[in-house]
Amino acid sequence: MFLKKFEVKDKTALVTGAGKGIGKASAIALAEAGANLIIISRTEKDLIAVKNQIKKIKRKCNYFVCDVTNLKEIKKIFSKIPKLDILVNNAGTNRPEYFTKIKRKDMSEVVDLNIKASFDIAQLATKIMLKSTNRKKGGSIINISSQLGKVGAPLRSVYNMTKFGVEGLTKGMAIDLAKHNIRVNSVCPTFVETPMVKKFFKDKNFKKSVIENIPLGKVATESDIASAVVYLASDAASMITGSSLVIDGGWTAK
């Protein structure tokens, strides 16, 4: 029998930015694959809705309302987590602007969330994994990056900077943690049909330019990304670490 199971039965997974978009889809997909969830977001209403969907799948789900850039509050939350097998480091943002017009405040907020908070969350999660899982079982950390962690794009220089940073963080972590059998990978989506992207797509010219840049001629769905997350979290990906799974419809192949 060569096919490994694409499941994460009875594992504990933590997902940040889980109230909407890729985070929400990833949390629900992991529950469908058998995991119990811990979900974090700034908006309680969104978290309750996700928790209710996970309960229908008959998996456990705890939620915490928190801004992940608040390190003091994040440390409190992680001190309450006894066991962790999977981290989906998803919370992130973007403030599109031409390079010379970028305000320092906007740059700092994007860096604080996309880089600093991602680092802090990953470090705290790793410490729990090292205490709560044995080497044979290991763990899986999935950093949600972007195709713009691979190539540049107009009005996206700060976002580019942070997502290239996530790619570097992923590789460095993978090397340090391999001896503990904790795998670290990134998922690099193209534009995905999330609430945030739908706002950008109100500009019809922008939407047209995006579609024209994707050889497959379509944007990704949330389930496209969530399926990749489950794969990387599962034993089916047990030999994959320090890699990027690029889900871009061919954008970066050009």
Protein backbone atom coordinates (compact mmCIF):
# COMPACT_ATOMS: atom_id res chain seq x y z
CA MET A 1 0.00 0.00 0.00
CA PHE A 2 1.68 3.20 -1.18
CA LEU A 3 -1.00 5.85 -0.75
CA LYS A 4 -0.58 7.67 2.57
CA LYS A 5 -3.67 9.04 4.23
CA PHE A 6 -4.64 12.65 3.70
CA GLU A 7 -6.02 12.94 7.21
CA VAL A 8 -5.11 14.50 10.53
CA LYS A 9 -7.36 12.47 12.78
CA ASP A 10 -7.44 13.60 16.43
CA LYS A 11 -4.56 16.05 15.94
CA THR A 12 -4.82 19.55 17.39
CA ALA A 13 -4.53 22.37 14.88
CA LEU A 14 -4.30 26.10 15.54
CA VAL A 15 -5.30 28.56 12.81
CA THR A 16 -4.78 32.32 13.02
CA GLY A 17 -6.95 34.76 11.07
CA ALA A 18 -9.57 32.01 11.17
CA GLY A 19 -12.68 34.16 11.03
CA LYS A 20 -12.75 34.66 7.27
CA GLY A 21 -11.17 33.69 3.98
CA ILE A 22 -8.27 31.25 3.81
CA GLY A 23 -8.09 30.88 7.59
CA LYS A 24 -11.75 29.95 7.90
CA ALA A 25 -11.56 27.52 4.98
CA SER A 26 -8.38 25.92 6.36
CA ALA A 27 -9.89 25.45 9.82
CA ILE A 28 -13.01 23.78 8.45
CA ALA A 29 -11.02 21.60 6.03
CA LEU A 30 -8.74 20.41 8.86
CA ALA A 31 -11.82 19.55 10.92
CA GLU A 32 -13.22 17.62 7.97
CA ALA A 33 -9.93 15.69 7.88
CA GLY A 34 -10.29 14.79 11.57
CA ALA A 35 -8.48 17.53 13.52
CA ASN A 36 -9.64 19.38 16.60
CA LEU A 37 -9.29 23.15 16.24
CA ILE A 38 -8.09 26.19 18.10
CA ILE A 39 -9.01 29.31 16.14
CA ILE A 40 -7.91 32.91 16.63
CA SER A 41 -9.25 36.13 15.12
CA ARG A 42 -10.08 39.69 16.13
CA THR A 43 -13.84 39.29 15.57
CA GLU A 44 -15.80 37.05 17.94
CA LYS A 45 -18.88 36.90 15.71
CA ASP A 46 -16.82 35.36 12.91
CA LEU A 47 -15.16 32.87 15.27
CA ILE A 48 -18.50 31.72 16.67
CA ALA A 49 -19.77 31.09 13.13
CA VAL A 50 -16.68 29.01 12.29
CA LYS A 51 -16.92 27.11 15.58
CA ASN A 52 -20.55 26.24 14.87
CA GLN A 53 -19.61 24.84 11.46
CA ILE A 54 -16.84 22.74 13.01
CA LYS A 55 -19.20 21.42 15.71
CA LYS A 56 -21.49 20.15 12.93
CA ILE A 57 -18.53 18.06 11.70
CA LYS A 58 -18.36 16.67 15.25
CA ARG A 59 -14.88 17.98 16.00
CA LYS A 60 -13.82 20.04 19.03
CA CYS A 61 -13.18 23.75 18.59
CA ASN A 62 -11.99 26.43 21.01
CA TYR A 63 -11.62 30.05 19.99
CA PHE A 64 -9.76 33.10 21.26
CA VAL A 65 -10.47 36.71 20.31
CA CYS A 66 -7.15 38.47 19.86
CA ASP A 67 -5.10 40.71 17.59
CA VAL A 68 -2.05 38.54 16.91
CA THR A 69 0.24 41.61 16.91
CA ASN A 70 -0.48 41.93 20.65
CA LEU A 71 2.34 39.69 21.90
CA LYS A 72 1.31 39.96 25.56
CA GLU A 73 -2.19 38.65 24.82
CA ILE A 74 -0.91 35.98 22.42
CA LYS A 75 1.47 34.67 25.10
CA LYS A 76 -1.48 34.38 27.51
CA ILE A 77 -3.44 32.38 24.96
CA PHE A 78 -0.56 30.03 24.19
CA SER A 79 0.03 29.44 27.91
CA LYS A 80 -3.44 27.81 27.98
CA ILE A 81 -2.70 25.39 25.12
CA PRO A 82 -1.36 22.04 26.39
CA LYS A 83 -0.94 20.27 23.05
CA LEU A 84 -0.39 21.27 19.45
CA ASP A 85 0.35 19.26 16.31
CA ILE A 86 -0.41 21.69 13.49
CA LEU A 87 -0.09 25.46 13.06
CA VAL A 88 -1.59 27.37 10.15
CA ASN A 89 0.12 30.75 10.40
CA ASN A 90 -2.39 32.64 8.30
CA ALA A 91 -3.18 36.10 9.70
CA GLY A 92 -1.97 38.79 7.33
CA THR A 93 -2.88 41.98 5.48
CA ASN A 94 -1.99 44.22 2.55
CA ARG A 95 -2.05 47.98 1.91
CA PRO A 96 -1.50 48.45 -1.84
CA GLU A 97 0.27 51.70 -2.73
CA TYR A 98 2.89 53.07 -5.12
CA PHE A 99 6.34 52.78 -3.55
CA THR A 100 7.13 56.48 -3.04
CA LYS A 101 3.66 57.16 -1.60
CA ILE A 102 3.72 54.47 1.10
CA LYS A 103 3.12 55.94 4.55
CA ARG A 104 5.43 54.68 7.27
CA LYS A 105 2.43 53.86 9.48
CA ASP A 106 0.98 51.55 6.82
CA MET A 107 4.37 49.93 6.18
CA SER A 108 4.87 49.27 9.90
CA GLU A 109 1.41 47.76 10.34
CA VAL A 110 1.88 45.35 7.42
CA VAL A 111 5.34 44.34 8.68
CA ASP A 112 4.08 43.95 12.26
CA LEU A 113 1.33 41.54 11.17
CA ASN A 114 2.84 39.69 8.22
CA ILE A 115 6.36 39.25 9.61
CA LYS A 116 6.70 39.97 13.34
CA ALA A 117 3.44 38.34 14.42
CA SER A 118 4.06 35.37 12.11
CA PHE A 119 7.45 34.88 13.76
CA ASP A 120 6.03 35.20 17.28
CA ILE A 121 3.17 32.79 16.62
CA ALA A 122 5.50 30.24 15.00
CA GLN A 123 7.96 30.41 17.89
CA LEU A 124 5.28 30.02 20.56
CA ALA A 125 3.63 27.15 18.66
CA THR A 126 6.96 25.38 18.21
CA LYS A 127 7.66 25.48 21.95
CA ILE A 128 4.33 23.76 22.62
CA MET A 129 5.00 21.16 19.90
CA LEU A 130 8.41 20.38 21.40
CA LYS A 131 6.80 19.71 24.79
CA SER A 132 3.62 17.95 23.68
CA THR A 133 4.62 15.74 20.75
CA ASN A 134 7.22 13.02 20.48
CA ARG A 135 9.86 13.04 17.75
CA LYS A 136 8.25 10.16 15.86
CA LYS A 137 4.93 12.00 15.69
CA GLY A 138 6.45 15.41 15.01
CA GLY A 139 4.42 18.38 13.90
CA SER A 140 3.57 20.55 10.91
CA ILE A 141 3.76 24.34 10.57
CA ILE A 142 2.23 25.92 7.49
CA ASN A 143 2.98 29.59 6.85
CA ILE A 144 0.51 31.22 4.49
CA SER A 145 2.68 33.18 2.08
CA SER A 146 1.86 34.34 -1.45
CA GLN A 147 2.92 34.14 -5.08
CA LEU A 148 4.24 37.63 -4.25
CA GLY A 149 6.79 35.94 -2.01
CA LYS A 150 8.26 34.71 -5.31
CA VAL A 151 7.82 37.62 -7.76
CA GLY A 152 7.22 41.35 -7.63
CA ALA A 153 4.04 43.20 -8.56
CA PRO A 154 2.89 46.83 -8.97
CA LEU A 155 1.80 48.64 -5.80
CA ARG A 156 2.84 45.68 -3.66
CA SER A 157 6.42 46.45 -2.54
CA VAL A 158 5.71 46.23 1.20
CA TYR A 159 3.63 43.09 0.75
CA ASN A 160 6.42 41.65 -1.44
CA MET A 161 8.94 42.44 1.30
CA THR A 162 6.92 40.68 3.98
CA LYS A 163 6.05 37.60 1.93
CA PHE A 164 9.65 37.13 0.75
CA GLY A 165 10.43 37.31 4.47
CA VAL A 166 7.89 34.58 5.22
CA GLU A 167 9.59 32.40 2.61
CA GLY A 168 12.96 32.94 4.29
CA LEU A 169 11.50 32.28 7.74
CA THR A 170 9.98 29.03 6.48
CA LYS A 171 13.30 27.72 5.18
CA GLY A 172 15.27 28.74 8.28
CA MET A 173 12.72 27.20 10.64
CA ALA A 174 12.60 24.00 8.59
CA ILE A 175 16.34 23.48 9.00
CA ASP A 176 16.35 24.19 12.74
CA LEU A 177 13.32 22.01 13.50
CA ALA A 178 13.98 19.03 11.23
CA LYS A 179 15.78 17.15 14.02
CA HIS A 180 12.52 17.28 16.00
CA ASN A 181 10.48 16.05 13.01
CA ILE A 182 8.59 19.35 12.91
CA ARG A 183 8.03 20.13 9.25
CA VAL A 184 7.73 23.75 8.12
CA ASN A 185 6.35 24.71 4.71
CA SER A 186 4.58 27.61 3.06
CA VAL A 187 1.57 27.88 0.80
CA CYS A 188 1.85 30.57 -1.88
CA PRO A 189 -1.55 31.38 -3.40
CA THR A 190 -2.37 33.65 -6.27
CA PHE A 191 -5.36 35.95 -5.79
CA VAL A 192 -8.07 33.99 -3.97
CA GLU A 193 -11.80 34.67 -3.80
CA THR A 194 -11.68 35.97 -0.22
CA PRO A 195 -13.59 38.95 1.25
CA MET A 196 -10.40 41.07 1.06
CA VAL A 197 -9.73 40.24 -2.61
CA LYS A 198 -13.37 40.83 -3.53
CA LYS A 199 -12.92 44.42 -2.34
CA PHE A 200 -9.91 44.82 -4.63
CA PHE A 201 -11.89 43.29 -7.52
CA LYS A 202 -14.45 46.10 -7.38
CA ASP A 203 -11.90 47.77 -9.64
CA LYS A 204 -12.83 45.95 -12.86
CA ASN A 205 -9.59 46.93 -14.61
CA PHE A 206 -7.58 45.46 -11.76
CA LYS A 207 -9.59 42.23 -11.83
CA LYS A 208 -9.07 41.98 -15.60
CA SER A 209 -5.30 42.45 -15.24
CA VAL A 210 -5.15 39.74 -12.56
CA ILE A 211 -7.02 37.18 -14.69
CA GLU A 212 -4.81 37.99 -17.68
CA ASN A 213 -1.71 37.22 -15.55
CA ILE A 214 -2.97 33.74 -14.58
CA PRO A 215 -2.43 31.24 -17.43
CA LEU A 216 -5.31 29.07 -16.18
CA GLY A 217 -7.53 32.14 -16.56
CA LYS A 218 -9.17 32.05 -13.13
CA VAL A 219 -8.51 33.03 -9.54
CA ALA A 220 -8.12 30.40 -6.81
CA THR A 221 -10.91 29.37 -4.48
CA GLU A 222 -10.61 29.14 -0.72
CA SER A 223 -10.96 25.35 -0.99
CA ASP A 224 -7.98 25.21 -3.39
CA ILE A 225 -5.81 26.63 -0.62
CA ALA A 226 -7.44 24.73 2.25
CA SER A 227 -6.86 21.42 0.44
CA ALA A 228 -3.15 22.23 0.16
CA VAL A 229 -3.03 23.07 3.86
CA VAL A 230 -4.55 19.70 4.79
CA TYR A 231 -2.07 17.92 2.53
CA LEU A 232 0.94 19.62 4.14
CA ALA A 233 -0.46 18.94 7.61
CA SER A 234 -1.01 15.25 6.90
CA ASP A 235 1.31 12.25 6.85
CA ALA A 236 1.00 12.27 3.07
CA ALA A 237 3.53 15.14 3.17
CA SER A 238 5.81 13.53 5.79
CA MET A 239 8.94 14.02 3.64
CA ILE A 240 8.22 17.66 2.74
CA THR A 241 9.85 20.49 4.70
CA GLY A 242 11.36 23.85 3.81
CA SER A 243 9.27 23.95 0.64
CA SER A 244 6.65 26.20 -0.91
CA LEU A 245 3.48 24.86 -2.44
CA VAL A 246 2.70 27.47 -5.11
CA ILE A 247 -0.99 27.59 -6.04
CA ASP A 248 -0.99 30.32 -8.64
CA GLY A 249 -2.54 28.96 -11.84
CA GLY A 250 0.82 29.42 -13.54
CA TRP A 251 1.44 33.09 -12.60
CA THR A 252 5.07 32.53 -11.51
CA ALA A 253 5.84 30.08 -14.34
CA LYS A 254 6.12 32.93 -16.86
